[in-house]
C-alpha atoms as a PDB file:
ATOM      1  CA  UNK A   1      32.111 264.461  -5.914  1.00  0.00           C
ATOM      2  CA  UNK A   2      32.489 265.938  -9.378  1.00  0.00           C
ATOM      3  CA  UNK A   3      34.817 268.879  -9.824  1.00  0.00           C
ATOM      4  CA  UNK A   4      33.230 272.284  -9.891  1.00  0.00           C
ATOM      5  CA  UNK A   5      32.632 273.557 -13.412  1.00  0.00           C
ATOM      6  CA  UNK A   6      33.761 277.106 -14.030  1.00  0.00           C
ATOM      7  CA  UNK A   7      33.221 279.414 -16.945  1.00  0.00           C
ATOM      8  CA  UNK A   8      34.153 282.989 -17.802  1.00  0.00           C
ATOM      9  CA  UNK A   9      32.062 285.581 -15.991  1.00  0.00           C
ATOM     10  CA  UNK A  10      28.841 286.110 -17.984  1.00  0.00           C
ATOM     11  CA  UNK A  11      27.882 289.522 -19.263  1.00  0.00           C
ATOM     12  CA  UNK A  12      24.721 289.587 -17.134  1.00  0.00           C
ATOM     13  CA  UNK A  13      23.699 287.014 -14.535  1.00  0.00           C
ATOM     14  CA  UNK A  14      20.291 285.510 -15.196  1.00  0.00           C
ATOM     15  CA  UNK A  15      17.397 284.393 -13.040  1.00  0.00           C
ATOM     16  CA  UNK A  16      15.362 282.116 -15.297  1.00  0.00           C
ATOM     17  CA  UNK A  17      11.790 282.382 -14.046  1.00  0.00           C
ATOM     18  CA  UNK A  18      10.526 279.126 -15.545  1.00  0.00           C
ATOM     19  CA  UNK A  19      12.332 275.828 -16.058  1.00  0.00           C
ATOM     20  CA  UNK A  20      10.709 272.383 -16.501  1.00  0.00           C
ATOM     21  CA  UNK A  21      13.872 270.284 -16.603  1.00  0.00           C
ATOM     22  CA  UNK A  22      13.353 268.277 -13.413  1.00  0.00           C
ATOM     23  CA  UNK A  23       9.835 267.139 -14.303  1.00  0.00           C
ATOM     24  CA  UNK A  24      10.777 266.293 -17.897  1.00  0.00           C
ATOM     25  CA  UNK A  25      13.690 264.199 -16.658  1.00  0.00           C
ATOM     26  CA  UNK A  26      11.383 262.454 -14.191  1.00  0.00           C
ATOM     27  CA  UNK A  27       8.792 261.680 -16.864  1.00  0.00           C
ATOM     28  CA  UNK A  28      11.481 260.226 -19.127  1.00  0.00           C
ATOM     29  CA  UNK A  29      13.084 258.206 -16.330  1.00  0.00           C
ATOM     30  CA  UNK A  30      16.409 260.061 -16.497  1.00  0.00           C
ATOM     31  CA  UNK A  31      18.427 261.336 -13.494  1.00  0.00           C
ATOM     32  CA  UNK A  32      16.721 264.403 -12.045  1.00  0.00           C
ATOM     33  CA  UNK A  33      20.030 266.185 -11.623  1.00  0.00           C
ATOM     34  CA  UNK A  34      21.369 269.117 -13.648  1.00  0.00           C
ATOM     35  CA  UNK A  35      24.896 267.783 -13.135  1.00  0.00           C
ATOM     36  CA  UNK A  36      23.873 264.890 -15.399  1.00  0.00           C
ATOM     37  CA  UNK A  37      25.011 266.139 -18.810  1.00  0.00           C
ATOM     38  CA  UNK A  38      22.491 265.085 -21.423  1.00  0.00           C
ATOM     39  CA  UNK A  39      22.027 266.719 -24.850  1.00  0.00           C
ATOM     40  CA  UNK A  40      18.360 265.699 -24.890  1.00  0.00           C
ATOM     41  CA  UNK A  41      17.667 268.606 -22.548  1.00  0.00           C
ATOM     42  CA  UNK A  42      18.038 272.375 -22.829  1.00  0.00           C
ATOM     43  CA  UNK A  43      19.676 272.580 -19.407  1.00  0.00           C
ATOM     44  CA  UNK A  44      22.570 270.952 -17.614  1.00  0.00           C
ATOM     45  CA  UNK A  45      25.310 272.251 -15.343  1.00  0.00           C
ATOM     46  CA  UNK A  46      27.986 273.075 -17.956  1.00  0.00           C
ATOM     47  CA  UNK A  47      25.490 274.967 -20.126  1.00  0.00           C
ATOM     48  CA  UNK A  48      24.025 276.831 -17.150  1.00  0.00           C
ATOM     49  CA  UNK A  49      27.534 278.029 -16.340  1.00  0.00           C
ATOM     50  CA  UNK A  50      28.281 279.046 -19.923  1.00  0.00           C
ATOM     51  CA  UNK A  51      25.022 280.953 -20.220  1.00  0.00           C
ATOM     52  CA  UNK A  52      25.395 282.783 -16.922  1.00  0.00           C
ATOM     53  CA  UNK A  53      22.184 281.356 -15.442  1.00  0.00           C
ATOM     54  CA  UNK A  54      22.757 282.005 -11.756  1.00  0.00           C
ATOM     55  CA  UNK A  55      19.262 281.323 -10.406  1.00  0.00           C
ATOM     56  CA  UNK A  56      16.265 279.290 -11.557  1.00  0.00           C
ATOM     57  CA  UNK A  57      12.603 279.074 -10.632  1.00  0.00           C
ATOM     58  CA  UNK A  58      12.578 275.308 -11.069  1.00  0.00           C
ATOM     59  CA  UNK A  59       9.170 273.695 -11.470  1.00  0.00           C
ATOM     60  CA  UNK A  60       8.529 270.921  -8.955  1.00  0.00           C
ATOM     61  CA  UNK A  61       4.849 270.130  -9.305  1.00  0.00           C
ATOM     62  CA  UNK A  62       1.805 270.406 -11.502  1.00  0.00           C
ATOM     63  CA  UNK A  63      -1.200 268.116 -11.132  1.00  0.00           C
ATOM     64  CA  UNK A  64      -0.126 265.169  -9.018  1.00  0.00           C
ATOM     65  CA  UNK A  65       0.686 265.355  -5.325  1.00  0.00           C
ATOM     66  CA  UNK A  66       2.994 262.337  -5.151  1.00  0.00           C
ATOM     67  CA  UNK A  67       4.895 263.364  -8.263  1.00  0.00           C
ATOM     68  CA  UNK A  68       5.401 266.821  -6.784  1.00  0.00           C
ATOM     69  CA  UNK A  69       6.860 265.309  -3.607  1.00  0.00           C
ATOM     70  CA  UNK A  70       9.292 263.327  -5.755  1.00  0.00           C
ATOM     71  CA  UNK A  71      10.334 266.448  -7.669  1.00  0.00           C
ATOM     72  CA  UNK A  72      10.815 268.446  -4.455  1.00  0.00           C
ATOM     73  CA  UNK A  73      12.993 265.654  -3.100  1.00  0.00           C
ATOM     74  CA  UNK A  74      15.011 265.710  -6.344  1.00  0.00           C
ATOM     75  CA  UNK A  75      15.692 269.430  -5.893  1.00  0.00           C
ATOM     76  CA  UNK A  76      16.874 268.906  -2.323  1.00  0.00           C
ATOM     77  CA  UNK A  77      18.989 265.915  -3.341  1.00  0.00           C
ATOM     78  CA  UNK A  78      20.627 267.812  -6.212  1.00  0.00           C
ATOM     79  CA  UNK A  79      21.771 270.542  -3.864  1.00  0.00           C
ATOM     80  CA  UNK A  80      22.977 268.017  -1.277  1.00  0.00           C
ATOM     81  CA  UNK A  81      24.915 266.046  -3.894  1.00  0.00           C
ATOM     82  CA  UNK A  82      26.578 269.118  -5.451  1.00  0.00           C
ATOM     83  CA  UNK A  83      26.930 271.709  -2.671  1.00  0.00           C
ATOM     84  CA  UNK A  84      29.631 273.625  -4.555  1.00  0.00           C
ATOM     85  CA  UNK A  85      27.396 274.089  -7.587  1.00  0.00           C
ATOM     86  CA  UNK A  86      23.782 274.348  -6.346  1.00  0.00           C
ATOM     87  CA  UNK A  87      21.950 275.857  -3.397  1.00  0.00           C
ATOM     88  CA  UNK A  88      18.266 275.598  -2.532  1.00  0.00           C
ATOM     89  CA  UNK A  89      17.154 279.155  -1.782  1.00  0.00           C
ATOM     90  CA  UNK A  90      14.111 280.633  -0.069  1.00  0.00           C
ATOM     91  CA  UNK A  91      14.806 284.376  -0.131  1.00  0.00           C
ATOM     92  CA  UNK A  92      16.587 286.988  -2.210  1.00  0.00           C
ATOM     93  CA  UNK A  93      19.302 287.091   0.446  1.00  0.00           C
ATOM     94  CA  UNK A  94      19.802 283.335   0.002  1.00  0.00           C
ATOM     95  CA  UNK A  95      20.164 283.797  -3.754  1.00  0.00           C
ATOM     96  CA  UNK A  96      22.682 286.616  -3.373  1.00  0.00           C
ATOM     97  CA  UNK A  97      24.706 284.568  -0.900  1.00  0.00           C
ATOM     98  CA  UNK A  98      24.694 281.530  -3.183  1.00  0.00           C
ATOM     99  CA  UNK A  99      25.830 283.637  -6.146  1.00  0.00           C
ATOM    100  CA  UNK A 100      28.655 285.192  -4.112  1.00  0.00           C
ATOM    101  CA  UNK A 101      29.776 281.625  -3.450  1.00  0.00           C
ATOM    102  CA  UNK A 102      29.529 280.879  -7.187  1.00  0.00           C
ATOM    103  CA  UNK A 103      26.601 278.507  -6.694  1.00  0.00           C
ATOM    104  CA  UNK A 104      23.470 278.362  -8.832  1.00  0.00           C
ATOM    105  CA  UNK A 105      20.377 279.177  -6.788  1.00  0.00           C
ATOM    106  CA  UNK A 106      17.344 276.908  -7.153  1.00  0.00           C
ATOM    107  CA  UNK A 107      13.990 278.390  -6.121  1.00  0.00           C
ATOM    108  CA  UNK A 108      11.186 275.846  -6.195  1.00  0.00           C
ATOM    109  CA  UNK A 109       7.924 276.686  -7.963  1.00  0.00           C
ATOM    110  CA  UNK A 110       4.713 274.824  -8.717  1.00  0.00           C
ATOM    111  CA  UNK A 111       2.595 275.132 -11.847  1.00  0.00           C
ATOM    112  CA  UNK A 112      -0.965 274.939 -10.551  1.00  0.00           C
ATOM    113  CA  UNK A 113      -2.653 273.967  -7.296  1.00  0.00           C
ATOM    114  CA  UNK A 114      -5.367 271.515  -8.363  1.00  0.00           C
ATOM    115  CA  UNK A 115      -3.280 268.765  -6.742  1.00  0.00           C
ATOM    116  CA  UNK A 116      -4.010 270.299  -3.330  1.00  0.00           C
ATOM    117  CA  UNK A 117      -7.679 269.226  -3.545  1.00  0.00           C
ATOM    118  CA  UNK A 118      -8.876 272.520  -2.048  1.00  0.00           C
ATOM    119  CA  UNK A 119      -6.954 271.993   1.191  1.00  0.00           C
ATOM    120  CA  UNK A 120      -4.978 274.999   2.369  1.00  0.00           C
ATOM    121  CA  UNK A 121      -2.860 272.797   4.619  1.00  0.00           C
ATOM    122  CA  UNK A 122      -1.313 271.306   1.481  1.00  0.00           C
ATOM    123  CA  UNK A 123      -0.362 274.781   0.269  1.00  0.00           C
ATOM    124  CA  UNK A 124       1.159 275.495   3.677  1.00  0.00           C
ATOM    125  CA  UNK A 125       3.072 272.209   3.637  1.00  0.00           C
ATOM    126  CA  UNK A 126       4.536 272.920   0.208  1.00  0.00           C
ATOM    127  CA  UNK A 127       5.679 276.313   1.510  1.00  0.00           C
ATOM    128  CA  UNK A 128       7.314 274.507   4.454  1.00  0.00           C
ATOM    129  CA  UNK A 129       9.085 272.174   2.013  1.00  0.00           C
ATOM    130  CA  UNK A 130      10.623 275.188   0.278  1.00  0.00           C
ATOM    131  CA  UNK A 131       8.261 276.194  -2.530  1.00  0.00           C
ATOM    132  CA  UNK A 132       8.259 279.968  -2.987  1.00  0.00           C
ATOM    133  CA  UNK A 133       6.420 280.533  -6.295  1.00  0.00           C
ATOM    134  CA  UNK A 134       2.998 279.061  -7.088  1.00  0.00           C
ATOM    135  CA  UNK A 135       0.774 279.312 -10.151  1.00  0.00           C
ATOM    136  CA  UNK A 136      -2.966 279.423  -9.667  1.00  0.00           C
ATOM    137  CA  UNK A 137      -3.522 276.933 -12.479  1.00  0.00           C
ATOM    138  CA  UNK A 138      -1.921 275.198 -15.407  1.00  0.00           C
ATOM    139  CA  UNK A 139      -4.936 276.170 -17.480  1.00  0.00           C
ATOM    140  CA  UNK A 140      -7.659 273.743 -16.470  1.00  0.00           C
ATOM    141  CA  UNK A 141     -11.136 274.703 -15.364  1.00  0.00           C
ATOM    142  CA  UNK A 142     -13.360 273.495 -12.553  1.00  0.00           C
ATOM    143  CA  UNK A 143     -16.777 273.967 -14.138  1.00  0.00           C
ATOM    144  CA  UNK A 144     -18.783 270.810 -14.728  1.00  0.00           C
ATOM    145  CA  UNK A 145     -15.850 268.506 -13.964  1.00  0.00           C
ATOM    146  CA  UNK A 146     -16.000 265.637 -11.486  1.00  0.00           C
ATOM    147  CA  UNK A 147     -13.163 265.402  -8.958  1.00  0.00           C
ATOM    148  CA  UNK A 148     -11.530 268.549 -10.351  1.00  0.00           C
ATOM    149  CA  UNK A 149     -10.076 271.092  -7.976  1.00  0.00           C
ATOM    150  CA  UNK A 150      -8.841 273.827 -10.278  1.00  0.00           C
ATOM    151  CA  UNK A 151      -8.663 277.344  -8.793  1.00  0.00           C
ATOM    152  CA  UNK A 152     -10.421 278.907 -11.789  1.00  0.00           C
ATOM    153  CA  UNK A 153     -13.946 278.097 -12.948  1.00  0.00           C
ATOM    154  CA  UNK A 154     -13.403 278.167 -16.720  1.00  0.00           C
ATOM    155  CA  UNK A 155     -10.399 276.748 -18.499  1.00  0.00           C
ATOM    156  CA  UNK A 156      -7.824 278.905 -20.256  1.00  0.00           C
ATOM    157  CA  UNK A 157      -7.535 279.038 -24.039  1.00  0.00           C
ATOM    158  CA  UNK A 158      -4.091 278.324 -25.451  1.00  0.00           C
ATOM    159  CA  UNK A 159      -4.555 279.476 -29.022  1.00  0.00           C
ATOM    160  CA  UNK A 160      -4.241 282.585 -31.175  1.00  0.00           C
ATOM    161  CA  UNK A 161      -7.052 285.059 -30.648  1.00  0.00           C
ATOM    162  CA  UNK A 162      -7.463 288.661 -31.796  1.00  0.00           C
ATOM    163  CA  UNK A 163      -8.132 291.333 -29.191  1.00  0.00           C
ATOM    164  CA  UNK A 164     -11.869 291.664 -29.895  1.00  0.00           C
ATOM    165  CA  UNK A 165     -12.443 287.911 -29.780  1.00  0.00           C
ATOM    166  CA  UNK A 166     -10.369 287.688 -26.610  1.00  0.00           C
ATOM    167  CA  UNK A 167     -12.516 290.368 -24.986  1.00  0.00           C
ATOM    168  CA  UNK A 168     -15.650 288.410 -25.937  1.00  0.00           C
ATOM    169  CA  UNK A 169     -14.275 285.221 -24.373  1.00  0.00           C
ATOM    170  CA  UNK A 170     -13.519 287.140 -21.199  1.00  0.00           C
ATOM    171  CA  UNK A 171     -17.089 288.438 -20.994  1.00  0.00           C
ATOM    172  CA  UNK A 172     -18.406 284.907 -21.341  1.00  0.00           C
ATOM    173  CA  UNK A 173     -16.028 283.281 -18.832  1.00  0.00           C
ATOM    174  CA  UNK A 174     -15.645 283.068 -15.082  1.00  0.00           C
ATOM    175  CA  UNK A 175     -12.451 283.505 -13.106  1.00  0.00           C
ATOM    176  CA  UNK A 176     -11.451 282.272  -9.658  1.00  0.00           C
ATOM    177  CA  UNK A 177     -13.357 279.710  -7.675  1.00  0.00           C
ATOM    178  CA  UNK A 178     -14.149 280.530  -4.061  1.00  0.00           C
ATOM    179  CA  UNK A 179     -11.208 278.365  -3.025  1.00  0.00           C
ATOM    180  CA  UNK A 180      -9.012 280.222  -5.527  1.00  0.00           C
ATOM    181  CA  UNK A 181      -9.740 283.422  -3.622  1.00  0.00           C
ATOM    182  CA  UNK A 182      -8.957 281.684  -0.320  1.00  0.00           C
ATOM    183  CA  UNK A 183      -5.672 280.424  -1.765  1.00  0.00           C
ATOM    184  CA  UNK A 184      -4.690 283.974  -2.747  1.00  0.00           C
ATOM    185  CA  UNK A 185      -5.322 285.123   0.833  1.00  0.00           C
ATOM    186  CA  UNK A 186      -3.157 282.302   2.163  1.00  0.00           C
ATOM    187  CA  UNK A 187      -0.393 282.931  -0.397  1.00  0.00           C
ATOM    188  CA  UNK A 188      -0.295 286.568   0.693  1.00  0.00           C
ATOM    189  CA  UNK A 189      -0.016 285.521   4.336  1.00  0.00           C
ATOM    190  CA  UNK A 190       2.741 283.014   3.555  1.00  0.00           C
ATOM    191  CA  UNK A 191       4.674 285.425   1.328  1.00  0.00           C
ATOM    192  CA  UNK A 192       4.398 283.154  -1.717  1.00  0.00           C
ATOM    193  CA  UNK A 193       4.699 284.731  -5.160  1.00  0.00           C
ATOM    194  CA  UNK A 194       1.599 284.131  -7.305  1.00  0.00           C
ATOM    195  CA  UNK A 195       2.417 283.204 -10.904  1.00  0.00           C
ATOM    196  CA  UNK A 196      -0.411 284.200 -13.271  1.00  0.00           C
ATOM    197  CA  UNK A 197       0.967 282.377 -16.320  1.00  0.00           C
ATOM    198  CA  UNK A 198      -1.750 280.051 -17.700  1.00  0.00           C
ATOM    199  CA  UNK A 199      -4.597 281.784 -15.829  1.00  0.00           C
ATOM    200  CA  UNK A 200      -7.655 282.774 -17.846  1.00  0.00           C
ATOM    201  CA  UNK A 201      -8.132 286.521 -18.252  1.00  0.00           C
ATOM    202  CA  UNK A 202     -10.778 286.846 -15.546  1.00  0.00           C
ATOM    203  CA  UNK A 203      -8.647 284.931 -13.035  1.00  0.00           C
ATOM    204  CA  UNK A 204      -5.719 287.179 -13.968  1.00  0.00           C
ATOM    205  CA  UNK A 205      -7.694 290.346 -13.285  1.00  0.00           C
ATOM    206  CA  UNK A 206      -9.180 289.027 -10.052  1.00  0.00           C
ATOM    207  CA  UNK A 207      -5.706 288.114  -8.784  1.00  0.00           C
ATOM    208  CA  UNK A 208      -4.371 291.527  -9.842  1.00  0.00           C
ATOM    209  CA  UNK A 209      -7.175 293.054  -7.791  1.00  0.00           C
ATOM    210  CA  UNK A 210      -6.013 291.168  -4.705  1.00  0.00           C
ATOM    211  CA  UNK A 211      -3.892 293.913  -3.218  1.00  0.00           C
ATOM    212  CA  UNK A 212      -1.684 291.871  -0.885  1.00  0.00           C
ATOM    213  CA  UNK A 213      -0.341 288.900  -2.824  1.00  0.00           C
ATOM    214  CA  UNK A 214       2.853 289.330  -4.865  1.00  0.00           C
ATOM    215  CA  UNK A 215       2.233 288.668  -8.568  1.00  0.00           C
ATOM    216  CA  UNK A 216       4.202 287.816 -11.684  1.00  0.00           C
ATOM    217  CA  UNK A 217       3.915 286.038 -15.013  1.00  0.00           C
ATOM    218  CA  UNK A 218       6.883 283.703 -15.166  1.00  0.00           C
ATOM    219  CA  UNK A 219       6.708 282.929 -18.892  1.00  0.00           C
ATOM    220  CA  UNK A 220       4.628 284.762 -21.475  1.00  0.00           C
ATOM    221  CA  UNK A 221       5.003 287.512 -24.054  1.00  0.00           C
ATOM    222  CA  UNK A 222       3.193 290.515 -25.557  1.00  0.00           C
ATOM    223  CA  UNK A 223      -0.200 290.039 -27.214  1.00  0.00           C
ATOM    224  CA  UNK A 224       0.226 293.246 -29.240  1.00  0.00           C
ATOM    225  CA  UNK A 225       3.080 291.563 -31.119  1.00  0.00           C
ATOM    226  CA  UNK A 226       1.772 288.000 -31.239  1.00  0.00           C
ATOM    227  CA  UNK A 227      -1.926 287.346 -30.521  1.00  0.00           C
ATOM    228  CA  UNK A 228      -1.536 284.154 -28.526  1.00  0.00           C
ATOM    229  CA  UNK A 229      -3.783 283.863 -25.480  1.00  0.00           C
ATOM    230  CA  UNK A 230      -0.765 283.091 -23.270  1.00  0.00           C
ATOM    231  CA  UNK A 231       0.566 286.555 -24.063  1.00  0.00           C
ATOM    232  CA  UNK A 232      -0.502 289.635 -22.110  1.00  0.00           C
ATOM    233  CA  UNK A 233      -2.344 292.582 -23.617  1.00  0.00           C
ATOM    234  CA  UNK A 234      -0.905 296.055 -23.052  1.00  0.00           C
ATOM    235  CA  UNK A 235      -3.629 296.665 -20.467  1.00  0.00           C
ATOM    236  CA  UNK A 236      -2.547 293.535 -18.590  1.00  0.00           C
ATOM    237  CA  UNK A 237       1.130 294.497 -18.805  1.00  0.00           C
ATOM    238  CA  UNK A 238       0.369 297.925 -17.329  1.00  0.00           C
ATOM    239  CA  UNK A 239      -1.705 296.422 -14.526  1.00  0.00           C
ATOM    240  CA  UNK A 240       1.012 293.888 -13.699  1.00  0.00           C
ATOM    241  CA  UNK A 241       3.588 296.683 -13.487  1.00  0.00           C
ATOM    242  CA  UNK A 242       1.256 298.778 -11.319  1.00  0.00           C
ATOM    243  CA  UNK A 243       1.215 295.860  -8.847  1.00  0.00           C
ATOM    244  CA  UNK A 244       5.043 295.796  -8.844  1.00  0.00           C
ATOM    245  CA  UNK A 245       4.956 292.532 -10.765  1.00  0.00           C
ATOM    246  CA  UNK A 246       7.293 291.128 -13.415  1.00  0.00           C
ATOM    247  CA  UNK A 247       6.811 289.274 -16.697  1.00  0.00           C
ATOM    248  CA  UNK A 248       9.345 286.706 -17.870  1.00  0.00           C
ATOM    249  CA  UNK A 249       9.634 286.975 -21.639  1.00  0.00           C
ATOM    250  CA  UNK A 250       9.487 283.439 -23.000  1.00  0.00           C
ATOM    251  CA  UNK A 251      11.579 281.740 -25.704  1.00  0.00           C
ATOM    252  CA  UNK A 252       8.699 279.610 -27.058  1.00  0.00           C
ATOM    253  CA  UNK A 253       8.476 280.364 -30.779  1.00  0.00           C
ATOM    254  CA  UNK A 254       4.660 280.194 -30.848  1.00  0.00           C
ATOM    255  CA  UNK A 255       4.542 283.098 -28.360  1.00  0.00           C
ATOM    256  CA  UNK A 256       7.032 285.192 -30.363  1.00  0.00           C
ATOM    257  CA  UNK A 257       5.477 285.325 -33.815  1.00  0.00           C
ATOM    258  CA  UNK A 258       2.691 283.393 -35.495  1.00  0.00           C
ATOM    259  CA  UNK A 259       4.456 283.117 -38.836  1.00  0.00           C
ATOM    260  CA  UNK A 260       8.146 283.941 -38.577  1.00  0.00           C
ATOM    261  CA  UNK A 261       9.667 283.857 -35.086  1.00  0.00           C
ATOM    262  CA  UNK A 262      13.203 285.236 -35.050  1.00  0.00           C
ATOM    263  CA  UNK A 263      15.697 286.496 -32.500  1.00  0.00           C
ATOM    264  CA  UNK A 264      14.902 290.039 -33.623  1.00  0.00           C
ATOM    265  CA  UNK A 265      11.215 289.368 -32.995  1.00  0.00           C
ATOM    266  CA  UNK A 266      12.040 288.014 -29.519  1.00  0.00           C
ATOM    267  CA  UNK A 267      13.922 291.261 -28.875  1.00  0.00           C
ATOM    268  CA  UNK A 268      10.795 293.146 -29.997  1.00  0.00           C
ATOM    269  CA  UNK A 269       8.867 291.534 -27.116  1.00  0.00           C
ATOM    270  CA  UNK A 270      11.466 292.637 -24.565  1.00  0.00           C
ATOM    271  CA  UNK A 271      11.495 296.173 -25.949  1.00  0.00           C
ATOM    272  CA  UNK A 272       7.700 296.412 -26.144  1.00  0.00           C
ATOM    273  CA  UNK A 273       7.343 295.211 -22.544  1.00  0.00           C
ATOM    274  CA  UNK A 274       9.955 297.748 -21.442  1.00  0.00           C
ATOM    275  CA  UNK A 275       8.081 300.534 -23.234  1.00  0.00           C
ATOM    276  CA  UNK A 276       4.740 299.581 -21.661  1.00  0.00           C
ATOM    277  CA  UNK A 277       5.892 298.537 -18.175  1.00  0.00           C
ATOM    278  CA  UNK A 278       9.189 300.301 -17.545  1.00  0.00           C
ATOM    279  CA  UNK A 279      12.594 298.795 -16.741  1.00  0.00           C
ATOM    280  CA  UNK A 280      11.668 297.340 -13.331  1.00  0.00           C
ATOM    281  CA  UNK A 281       9.089 294.822 -14.515  1.00  0.00           C
ATOM    282  CA  UNK A 282      10.640 292.747 -17.327  1.00  0.00           C
ATOM    283  CA  UNK A 283      12.629 289.545 -16.897  1.00  0.00           C
ATOM    284  CA  UNK A 284      13.363 286.202 -18.549  1.00  0.00           C
ATOM    285  CA  UNK A 285      11.257 283.031 -18.374  1.00  0.00           C
ATOM    286  CA  UNK A 286      12.815 280.619 -20.858  1.00  0.00           C
ATOM    287  CA  UNK A 287      10.465 277.624 -20.463  1.00  0.00           C
ATOM    288  CA  UNK A 288      13.494 275.427 -21.112  1.00  0.00           C
ATOM    289  CA  UNK A 289      12.514 271.740 -21.277  1.00  0.00           C
ATOM    290  CA  UNK A 290       8.851 272.688 -21.108  1.00  0.00           C
ATOM    291  CA  UNK A 291       8.196 272.964 -24.854  1.00  0.00           C
ATOM    292  CA  UNK A 292       6.871 270.386 -27.339  1.00  0.00           C
ATOM    293  CA  UNK A 293       9.675 268.001 -28.223  1.00  0.00           C
ATOM    294  CA  UNK A 294       9.594 269.012 -31.892  1.00  0.00           C
ATOM    295  CA  UNK A 295       9.952 272.762 -31.199  1.00  0.00           C
ATOM    296  CA  UNK A 296      13.293 274.349 -30.354  1.00  0.00           C
ATOM    297  CA  UNK A 297      13.213 277.456 -28.161  1.00  0.00           C
ATOM    298  CA  UNK A 298      14.384 280.640 -29.845  1.00  0.00           C
ATOM    299  CA  UNK A 299      17.528 280.508 -27.690  1.00  0.00           C
ATOM    300  CA  UNK A 300      18.242 276.830 -28.147  1.00  0.00           C
ATOM    301  CA  UNK A 301      19.682 275.983 -24.733  1.00  0.00           C
ATOM    302  CA  UNK A 302      20.997 277.462 -21.512  1.00  0.00           C
ATOM    303  CA  UNK A 303      24.440 278.110 -22.985  1.00  0.00           C
ATOM    304  CA  UNK A 304      23.082 280.514 -25.591  1.00  0.00           C
ATOM    305  CA  UNK A 305      22.027 283.527 -23.501  1.00  0.00           C
ATOM    306  CA  UNK A 306      24.885 285.606 -24.893  1.00  0.00           C
ATOM    307  CA  UNK A 307      23.035 285.914 -28.199  1.00  0.00           C
ATOM    308  CA  UNK A 308      20.095 287.584 -26.428  1.00  0.00           C
ATOM    309  CA  UNK A 309      22.311 290.139 -24.696  1.00  0.00           C
ATOM    310  CA  UNK A 310      24.114 290.960 -27.932  1.00  0.00           C
ATOM    311  CA  UNK A 311      20.803 291.457 -29.726  1.00  0.00           C
ATOM    312  CA  UNK A 312      19.290 293.655 -27.002  1.00  0.00           C
ATOM    313  CA  UNK A 313      22.481 295.722 -26.767  1.00  0.00           C
ATOM    314  CA  UNK A 314      22.420 296.226 -30.542  1.00  0.00           C
ATOM    315  CA  UNK A 315      18.840 297.479 -30.188  1.00  0.00           C
ATOM    316  CA  UNK A 316      19.929 300.130 -27.695  1.00  0.00           C
ATOM    317  CA  UNK A 317      18.919 298.600 -24.353  1.00  0.00           C
ATOM    318  CA  UNK A 318      21.280 300.011 -21.720  1.00  0.00           C
ATOM    319  CA  UNK A 319      23.479 297.802 -19.514  1.00  0.00           C
ATOM    320  CA  UNK A 320      21.714 298.895 -16.327  1.00  0.00           C
ATOM    321  CA  UNK A 321      18.364 297.824 -17.775  1.00  0.00           C
ATOM    322  CA  UNK A 322      19.791 294.529 -19.014  1.00  0.00           C
ATOM    323  CA  UNK A 323      21.039 293.785 -15.509  1.00  0.00           C
ATOM    324  CA  UNK A 324      17.508 294.308 -14.185  1.00  0.00           C
ATOM    325  CA  UNK A 325      16.055 292.069 -16.889  1.00  0.00           C
ATOM    326  CA  UNK A 326      18.614 289.367 -16.208  1.00  0.00           C
ATOM    327  CA  UNK A 327      18.302 289.056 -12.454  1.00  0.00           C
ATOM    328  CA  UNK A 328      17.203 291.991 -10.356  1.00  0.00           C
ATOM    329  CA  UNK A 329      13.530 292.336 -11.235  1.00  0.00           C
ATOM    330  CA  UNK A 330      12.456 288.773 -10.435  1.00  0.00           C
ATOM    331  CA  UNK A 331      14.808 288.636  -7.472  1.00  0.00           C
ATOM    332  CA  UNK A 332      12.946 291.589  -5.944  1.00  0.00           C
ATOM    333  CA  UNK A 333       9.854 289.412  -5.572  1.00  0.00           C
ATOM    334  CA  UNK A 334      11.725 287.147  -3.155  1.00  0.00           C
ATOM    335  CA  UNK A 335      12.685 289.988  -0.792  1.00  0.00           C
END
């Protein structure tokens, strides 16, 4: 067994609400293990330690059932192979215990449920296997498609769109399918957290209106600052906060600024979300290893989180608020 890697105590521990490293490693045929140090990726064990990332919503499934089973197995195997460094966690108490033991908590998430083929037993089985966060969709739509089981009728638009045009698209689109509504009921019963990243605007609002399911947006930014359709309008941010939800501000440059993304502009998104939502509803969703291969995230890898804290501190964000952003707000959803 490899020796445990230690690093100086980070300024603020981080729960990263969206990480695609396992699936990217699987697609490339590399070891699906964060202890495998590989500069091709944004994340590995030494850099997680240096950056103070103490918990991760690690993505273990998107559109293919068998692939998802392989990714879930990889998460379990990673924790079994490196019990001093990783722990598979189901609850906030599990995460806190793992962190007290200086282990990085892995919380399994899935990015869409089309792979379940409109069978709630599959959703229940994934919950039994340890998944605790589930997106409604990865952006696809169910309308007019053969053998498609998306939970929203119309696809999502992943492009820049001004507020008036976005409102028009919403008026012309449909949200959840009937099975999508059933899945929300079952997620509420199971205690799964519903991730609304990638959902079209109507599906977002219909899920927000479902009063029992826990909601979040694991990776997305503020539409008022950058008019990308993956970013939330101020109205959406307020509604998410009113439902006790959390948004993970993302490091993807295209979500930060259309023309000149900078670290200062990334800080603007954190500060704007804090002003609109309050300090209990903003977190971090890096999207490490989930970006186009030719685009570096604004924070280039897991070791670089210190630069974000320094920037936010210089902009006047208080330590108590930074602690909530780093870990506490997303962790609350697992209680």
